[in-house]
Amino acid sequence: MGKKFPIHSMHPERICWVCSKYCPTDSMRCGNGSEQSQHPVELLGDDWMAFGLDAAETIAPAH
Protein backbone atom coordinates (compact mmCIF):
# COMPACT_ATOMS: atom_id res chain seq x y z
CA MET A 1 0.00 0.00 0.00
CA GLY A 2 1.35 3.42 -0.96
CA LYS A 3 1.53 6.52 1.12
CA LYS A 4 -1.59 8.64 1.45
CA PHE A 5 -1.35 11.62 -0.91
CA PRO A 6 -1.65 14.91 1.01
CA ILE A 7 -4.45 17.08 -0.35
CA HIS A 8 -3.10 20.28 1.20
CA SER A 9 0.63 20.13 1.92
CA MET A 10 2.13 22.78 4.20
CA HIS A 11 5.14 23.39 1.90
CA PRO A 12 4.55 21.63 -1.44
CA GLU A 13 7.54 23.36 -3.02
CA ARG A 14 9.95 21.44 -0.76
CA ILE A 15 9.02 17.97 -2.04
CA CYS A 16 9.08 16.17 -5.40
CA TRP A 17 5.64 14.59 -5.94
CA VAL A 18 6.39 12.29 -8.92
CA CYS A 19 6.48 8.99 -7.00
CA SER A 20 5.54 7.65 -3.57
CA LYS A 21 9.00 8.41 -2.14
CA TYR A 22 8.24 12.15 -1.79
CA CYS A 23 11.94 13.11 -1.80
CA PRO A 24 13.29 16.50 -0.77
CA THR A 25 13.91 18.62 -3.90
CA ASP A 26 17.65 18.63 -3.24
CA SER A 27 17.89 14.82 -2.94
CA MET A 28 15.60 13.10 -5.49
CA ARG A 29 16.03 9.31 -5.67
CA CYS A 30 13.56 8.35 -8.43
CA GLY A 31 15.68 9.47 -11.38
CA ASN A 32 13.23 12.21 -12.32
CA GLY A 33 16.13 14.42 -13.33
CA SER A 34 16.92 17.68 -11.66
CA GLU A 35 13.43 19.23 -11.59
CA GLN A 36 10.90 18.91 -8.83
CA SER A 37 7.50 17.60 -9.93
CA GLN A 38 4.95 20.02 -8.57
CA HIS A 39 2.06 19.21 -6.30
CA PRO A 40 -1.32 19.78 -8.01
CA VAL A 41 -2.04 22.70 -5.69
CA GLU A 42 0.99 24.48 -7.18
CA LEU A 43 -0.29 23.93 -10.72
CA LEU A 44 -4.05 24.32 -10.36
CA GLY A 45 -4.61 26.22 -7.12
CA ASP A 46 -6.37 25.35 -3.87
CA ASP A 47 -9.39 23.87 -5.66
CA TRP A 48 -7.29 21.34 -7.60
CA MET A 49 -9.52 18.44 -6.54
CA ALA A 50 -12.33 19.95 -8.66
CA PHE A 51 -10.41 19.11 -11.87
CA GLY A 52 -10.06 15.81 -13.69
CA LEU A 53 -11.89 12.54 -14.06
CA ASP A 54 -12.38 11.94 -10.32
CA ALA A 55 -13.84 15.37 -9.65
CA ALA A 56 -17.44 15.67 -8.53
CA GLU A 57 -19.82 16.62 -11.32
CA THR A 58 -20.50 20.34 -10.94
CA ILE A 59 -22.59 20.96 -14.05
CA ALA A 60 -26.02 19.37 -14.42
CA PRO A 61 -26.14 17.01 -17.42
CA ALA A 62 -27.99 18.27 -20.50
CA HIS A 63 -31.36 16.66 -21.24
PDB file of N, CA and C in Angstrom:
ATOM      1  N   MET A   1       0.843  -1.180   0.000  1.00  0.00           N
ATOM      2  CA  MET A   1       0.000   0.000   0.000  1.00  0.00           C
ATOM      3  C   MET A   1       0.884   1.237   0.000  1.00  0.00           C
ATOM      4  N   GLY A   2       0.566   2.195  -0.855  1.00  0.00           N
ATOM      5  CA  GLY A   2       1.354   3.415  -0.960  1.00  0.00           C
ATOM      6  C   GLY A   2       1.011   4.412   0.130  1.00  0.00           C
ATOM      7  N   LYS A   3       1.791   5.454   0.154  1.00  0.00           N
ATOM      8  CA  LYS A   3       1.532   6.520   1.123  1.00  0.00           C
ATOM      9  C   LYS A   3       0.269   7.275   0.732  1.00  0.00           C
ATOM     10  N   LYS A   4      -0.395   7.838   1.702  1.00  0.00           N
ATOM     11  CA  LYS A   4      -1.585   8.641   1.452  1.00  0.00           C
ATOM     12  C   LYS A   4      -1.140   9.991   0.875  1.00  0.00           C
ATOM     13  N   PHE A   5      -1.728  10.377  -0.247  1.00  0.00           N
ATOM     14  CA  PHE A   5      -1.346  11.624  -0.906  1.00  0.00           C
ATOM     15  C   PHE A   5      -1.958  12.806  -0.161  1.00  0.00           C
ATOM     16  N   PRO A   6      -1.129  13.766   0.269  1.00  0.00           N
ATOM     17  CA  PRO A   6      -1.654  14.915   1.007  1.00  0.00           C
ATOM     18  C   PRO A   6      -2.416  15.875   0.086  1.00  0.00           C
ATOM     19  N   ILE A   7      -3.624  16.182   0.455  1.00  0.00           N
ATOM     20  CA  ILE A   7      -4.445  17.080  -0.353  1.00  0.00           C
ATOM     21  C   ILE A   7      -3.953  18.519  -0.236  1.00  0.00           C
ATOM     22  N   HIS A   8      -3.629  18.940   0.970  1.00  0.00           N
ATOM     23  CA  HIS A   8      -3.099  20.283   1.197  1.00  0.00           C
ATOM     24  C   HIS A   8      -1.802  20.169   1.985  1.00  0.00           C
ATOM     25  N   SER A   9      -0.682  20.212   1.279  1.00  0.00           N
ATOM     26  CA  SER A   9       0.633  20.135   1.917  1.00  0.00           C
ATOM     27  C   SER A   9       1.019  21.501   2.463  1.00  0.00           C
ATOM     28  N   MET A  10       1.706  21.508   3.593  1.00  0.00           N
ATOM     29  CA  MET A  10       2.133  22.780   4.198  1.00  0.00           C
ATOM     30  C   MET A  10       3.134  23.514   3.300  1.00  0.00           C
ATOM     31  N   HIS A  11       4.114  22.799   2.755  1.00  0.00           N
ATOM     32  CA  HIS A  11       5.136  23.390   1.897  1.00  0.00           C
ATOM     33  C   HIS A  11       5.349  22.493   0.674  1.00  0.00           C
ATOM     34  N   PRO A  12       4.440  22.538  -0.299  1.00  0.00           N
ATOM     35  CA  PRO A  12       4.546  21.632  -1.440  1.00  0.00           C
ATOM     36  C   PRO A  12       5.796  21.862  -2.278  1.00  0.00           C
ATOM     37  N   GLU A  13       6.361  23.047  -2.224  1.00  0.00           N
ATOM     38  CA  GLU A  13       7.536  23.363  -3.023  1.00  0.00           C
ATOM     39  C   GLU A  13       8.801  22.674  -2.522  1.00  0.00           C
ATOM     40  N   ARG A  14       8.778  22.096  -1.340  1.00  0.00           N
ATOM     41  CA  ARG A  14       9.949  21.443  -0.757  1.00  0.00           C
ATOM     42  C   ARG A  14      10.083  19.973  -1.121  1.00  0.00           C
ATOM     43  N   ILE A  15       9.059  19.407  -1.787  1.00  0.00           N
ATOM     44  CA  ILE A  15       9.018  17.970  -2.037  1.00  0.00           C
ATOM     45  C   ILE A  15       8.767  17.709  -3.517  1.00  0.00           C
ATOM     46  N   CYS A  16       9.367  16.628  -4.051  1.00  0.00           N
ATOM     47  CA  CYS A  16       9.082  16.167  -5.405  1.00  0.00           C
ATOM     48  C   CYS A  16       7.930  15.172  -5.304  1.00  0.00           C
ATOM     49  N   TRP A  17       6.870  15.371  -6.077  1.00  0.00           N
ATOM     50  CA  TRP A  17       5.641  14.590  -5.944  1.00  0.00           C
ATOM     51  C   TRP A  17       5.486  13.516  -7.014  1.00  0.00           C
ATOM     52  N   VAL A  18       6.527  13.189  -7.776  1.00  0.00           N
ATOM     53  CA  VAL A  18       6.389  12.293  -8.916  1.00  0.00           C
ATOM     54  C   VAL A  18       6.173  10.827  -8.527  1.00  0.00           C
ATOM     55  N   CYS A  19       6.659  10.381  -7.412  1.00  0.00           N
ATOM     56  CA  CYS A  19       6.482   8.989  -7.000  1.00  0.00           C
ATOM     57  C   CYS A  19       6.114   8.939  -5.515  1.00  0.00           C
ATOM     58  N   SER A  20       5.963   7.772  -4.970  1.00  0.00           N
ATOM     59  CA  SER A  20       5.542   7.651  -3.572  1.00  0.00           C
ATOM     60  C   SER A  20       6.675   7.843  -2.570  1.00  0.00           C
ATOM     61  N   LYS A  21       7.871   8.182  -3.054  1.00  0.00           N
ATOM     62  CA  LYS A  21       8.997   8.409  -2.138  1.00  0.00           C
ATOM     63  C   LYS A  21       8.953   9.811  -1.534  1.00  0.00           C
ATOM     64  N   TYR A  22       8.361  10.763  -2.253  1.00  0.00           N
ATOM     65  CA  TYR A  22       8.240  12.153  -1.789  1.00  0.00           C
ATOM     66  C   TYR A  22       9.581  12.686  -1.270  1.00  0.00           C
ATOM     67  N   CYS A  23      10.572  12.702  -2.157  1.00  0.00           N
ATOM     68  CA  CYS A  23      11.935  13.114  -1.802  1.00  0.00           C
ATOM     69  C   CYS A  23      12.036  14.628  -1.633  1.00  0.00           C
ATOM     70  N   PRO A  24      12.995  15.072  -0.811  1.00  0.00           N
ATOM     71  CA  PRO A  24      13.294  16.501  -0.774  1.00  0.00           C
ATOM     72  C   PRO A  24      13.794  16.935  -2.153  1.00  0.00           C
ATOM     73  N   THR A  25      13.546  18.164  -2.553  1.00  0.00           N
ATOM     74  CA  THR A  25      13.915  18.616  -3.897  1.00  0.00           C
ATOM     75  C   THR A  25      15.418  18.634  -4.120  1.00  0.00           C
ATOM     76  N   ASP A  26      16.201  18.640  -3.062  1.00  0.00           N
ATOM     77  CA  ASP A  26      17.654  18.629  -3.241  1.00  0.00           C
ATOM     78  C   ASP A  26      18.246  17.219  -3.160  1.00  0.00           C
ATOM     79  N   SER A  27      17.400  16.191  -3.046  1.00  0.00           N
ATOM     80  CA  SER A  27      17.886  14.815  -2.943  1.00  0.00           C
ATOM     81  C   SER A  27      16.870  13.837  -3.536  1.00  0.00           C
ATOM     82  N   MET A  28      16.598  13.958  -4.842  1.00  0.00           N
ATOM     83  CA  MET A  28      15.602  13.102  -5.493  1.00  0.00           C
ATOM     84  C   MET A  28      16.209  11.747  -5.831  1.00  0.00           C
ATOM     85  N   ARG A  29      15.526  10.664  -5.472  1.00  0.00           N
ATOM     86  CA  ARG A  29      16.026   9.306  -5.669  1.00  0.00           C
ATOM     87  C   ARG A  29      15.391   8.586  -6.852  1.00  0.00           C
ATOM     88  N   CYS A  30      14.314   9.096  -7.417  1.00  0.00           N
ATOM     89  CA  CYS A  30      13.565   8.347  -8.425  1.00  0.00           C
ATOM     90  C   CYS A  30      14.130   8.483  -9.831  1.00  0.00           C
ATOM     91  N   GLY A  31      15.129   9.301 -10.047  1.00  0.00           N
ATOM     92  CA  GLY A  31      15.675   9.469 -11.381  1.00  0.00           C
ATOM     93  C   GLY A  31      14.861  10.414 -12.240  1.00  0.00           C
ATOM     94  N   ASN A  32      14.075  11.257 -11.610  1.00  0.00           N
ATOM     95  CA  ASN A  32      13.227  12.208 -12.318  1.00  0.00           C
ATOM     96  C   ASN A  32      14.049  13.275 -13.026  1.00  0.00           C
ATOM     97  N   GLY A  33      15.309  13.360 -12.759  1.00  0.00           N
ATOM     98  CA  GLY A  33      16.127  14.421 -13.325  1.00  0.00           C
ATOM     99  C   GLY A  33      16.463  15.425 -12.255  1.00  0.00           C
ATOM    100  N   SER A  34      16.539  16.655 -12.630  1.00  0.00           N
ATOM    101  CA  SER A  34      16.920  17.677 -11.663  1.00  0.00           C
ATOM    102  C   SER A  34      15.776  18.622 -11.326  1.00  0.00           C
ATOM    103  N   GLU A  35      14.585  18.370 -11.851  1.00  0.00           N
ATOM    104  CA  GLU A  35      13.427  19.234 -11.585  1.00  0.00           C
ATOM    105  C   GLU A  35      12.455  18.591 -10.632  1.00  0.00           C
ATOM    106  N   GLN A  36      11.930  19.372  -9.757  1.00  0.00           N
ATOM    107  CA  GLN A  36      10.900  18.911  -8.828  1.00  0.00           C
ATOM    108  C   GLN A  36       9.578  18.817  -9.565  1.00  0.00           C
ATOM    109  N   SER A  37       8.861  17.702  -9.406  1.00  0.00           N
ATOM    110  CA  SER A  37       7.499  17.596  -9.935  1.00  0.00           C
ATOM    111  C   SER A  37       6.571  18.283  -8.951  1.00  0.00           C
ATOM    112  N   GLN A  38       5.776  19.198  -9.450  1.00  0.00           N
ATOM    113  CA  GLN A  38       4.953  20.024  -8.574  1.00  0.00           C
ATOM    114  C   GLN A  38       3.724  19.287  -8.072  1.00  0.00           C
ATOM    115  N   HIS A  39       3.310  19.686  -6.886  1.00  0.00           N
ATOM    116  CA  HIS A  39       2.056  19.213  -6.299  1.00  0.00           C
ATOM    117  C   HIS A  39       0.924  19.870  -7.087  1.00  0.00           C
ATOM    118  N   PRO A  40      -0.204  19.190  -7.258  1.00  0.00           N
ATOM    119  CA  PRO A  40      -1.322  19.780  -8.015  1.00  0.00           C
ATOM    120  C   PRO A  40      -1.778  21.151  -7.497  1.00  0.00           C
ATOM    121  N   VAL A  41      -1.640  21.397  -6.215  1.00  0.00           N
ATOM    122  CA  VAL A  41      -2.044  22.703  -5.688  1.00  0.00           C
ATOM    123  C   VAL A  41      -1.153  23.813  -6.252  1.00  0.00           C
ATOM    124  N   GLU A  42       0.096  23.494  -6.586  1.00  0.00           N
ATOM    125  CA  GLU A  42       0.989  24.478  -7.179  1.00  0.00           C
ATOM    126  C   GLU A  42       0.614  24.763  -8.634  1.00  0.00           C
ATOM    127  N   LEU A  43       0.070  23.772  -9.309  1.00  0.00           N
ATOM    128  CA  LEU A  43      -0.285  23.925 -10.717  1.00  0.00           C
ATOM    129  C   LEU A  43      -1.683  24.475 -10.925  1.00  0.00           C
ATOM    130  N   LEU A  44      -2.646  24.004 -10.120  1.00  0.00           N
ATOM    131  CA  LEU A  44      -4.054  24.315 -10.360  1.00  0.00           C
ATOM    132  C   LEU A  44      -4.709  25.185  -9.299  1.00  0.00           C
ATOM    133  N   GLY A  45      -4.034  25.416  -8.186  1.00  0.00           N
ATOM    134  CA  GLY A  45      -4.607  26.223  -7.120  1.00  0.00           C
ATOM    135  C   GLY A  45      -5.255  25.379  -6.032  1.00  0.00           C
ATOM    136  N   ASP A  46      -5.811  26.033  -5.033  1.00  0.00           N
ATOM    137  CA  ASP A  46      -6.369  25.349  -3.866  1.00  0.00           C
ATOM    138  C   ASP A  46      -7.558  24.443  -4.193  1.00  0.00           C
ATOM    139  N   ASP A  47      -8.246  24.701  -5.292  1.00  0.00           N
ATOM    140  CA  ASP A  47      -9.395  23.866  -5.657  1.00  0.00           C
ATOM    141  C   ASP A  47      -9.013  22.795  -6.677  1.00  0.00           C
ATOM    142  N   TRP A  48      -7.796  22.296  -6.622  1.00  0.00           N
ATOM    143  CA  TRP A  48      -7.285  21.340  -7.604  1.00  0.00           C
ATOM    144  C   TRP A  48      -8.073  20.042  -7.641  1.00  0.00           C
ATOM    145  N   MET A  49      -8.746  19.678  -6.562  1.00  0.00           N
ATOM    146  CA  MET A  49      -9.516  18.437  -6.545  1.00  0.00           C
ATOM    147  C   MET A  49     -10.791  18.538  -7.393  1.00  0.00           C
ATOM    148  N   ALA A  50     -11.145  19.748  -7.834  1.00  0.00           N
ATOM    149  CA  ALA A  50     -12.334  19.945  -8.658  1.00  0.00           C
ATOM    150  C   ALA A  50     -12.050  19.681 -10.136  1.00  0.00           C
ATOM    151  N   PHE A  51     -10.801  19.362 -10.491  1.00  0.00           N
ATOM    152  CA  PHE A  51     -10.413  19.107 -11.873  1.00  0.00           C
ATOM    153  C   PHE A  51     -10.226  17.611 -12.099  1.00  0.00           C
ATOM    154  N   GLY A  52     -10.401  17.175 -13.322  1.00  0.00           N
ATOM    155  CA  GLY A  52     -10.061  15.810 -13.693  1.00  0.00           C
ATOM    156  C   GLY A  52     -11.212  14.830 -13.667  1.00  0.00           C
ATOM    157  N   LEU A  53     -10.882  13.585 -13.942  1.00  0.00           N
ATOM    158  CA  LEU A  53     -11.887  12.536 -14.060  1.00  0.00           C
ATOM    159  C   LEU A  53     -12.541  12.175 -12.729  1.00  0.00           C
ATOM    160  N   ASP A  54     -11.834  12.309 -11.623  1.00  0.00           N
ATOM    161  CA  ASP A  54     -12.376  11.939 -10.325  1.00  0.00           C
ATOM    162  C   ASP A  54     -13.123  13.075  -9.640  1.00  0.00           C
ATOM    163  N   ALA A  55     -13.181  14.220 -10.262  1.00  0.00           N
ATOM    164  CA  ALA A  55     -13.842  15.369  -9.653  1.00  0.00           C
ATOM    165  C   ALA A  55     -15.348  15.149  -9.614  1.00  0.00           C
ATOM    166  N   ALA A  56     -15.974  15.746  -8.636  1.00  0.00           N
ATOM    167  CA  ALA A  56     -17.439  15.667  -8.534  1.00  0.00           C
ATOM    168  C   ALA A  56     -18.054  16.441  -9.695  1.00  0.00           C
ATOM    169  N   GLU A  57     -19.157  15.946 -10.211  1.00  0.00           N
ATOM    170  CA  GLU A  57     -19.816  16.617 -11.319  1.00  0.00           C
ATOM    171  C   GLU A  57     -20.439  17.912 -10.820  1.00  0.00           C
ATOM    172  N   THR A  58     -20.017  19.026 -11.409  1.00  0.00           N
ATOM    173  CA  THR A  58     -20.501  20.337 -10.941  1.00  0.00           C
ATOM    174  C   THR A  58     -21.544  20.924 -11.865  1.00  0.00           C
ATOM    175  N   ILE A  59     -21.619  20.443 -13.091  1.00  0.00           N
ATOM    176  CA  ILE A  59     -22.588  20.960 -14.052  1.00  0.00           C
ATOM    177  C   ILE A  59     -23.659  19.898 -14.270  1.00  0.00           C
ATOM    178  N   ALA A  60     -24.917  20.317 -14.211  1.00  0.00           N
ATOM    179  CA  ALA A  60     -26.018  19.374 -14.421  1.00  0.00           C
ATOM    180  C   ALA A  60     -25.964  18.857 -15.864  1.00  0.00           C
ATOM    181  N   PRO A  61     -26.177  17.564 -16.067  1.00  0.00           N
ATOM    182  CA  PRO A  61     -26.137  17.013 -17.417  1.00  0.00           C
ATOM    183  C   PRO A  61     -27.275  17.572 -18.289  1.00  0.00           C
ATOM    184  N   ALA A  62     -26.973  17.745 -19.574  1.00  0.00           N
ATOM    185  CA  ALA A  62     -27.986  18.270 -20.504  1.00  0.00           C
ATOM    186  C   ALA A  62     -29.030  17.198 -20.800  1.00  0.00           C
ATOM    187  N   HIS A  63     -30.263  17.614 -20.957  1.00  0.00           N
ATOM    188  CA  HIS A  63     -31.360  16.659 -21.244  1.00  0.00           C
ATOM    189  C   HIS A  63     -31.688  16.667 -22.693  1.00  0.00           C
TER     190      HIS A  63
END
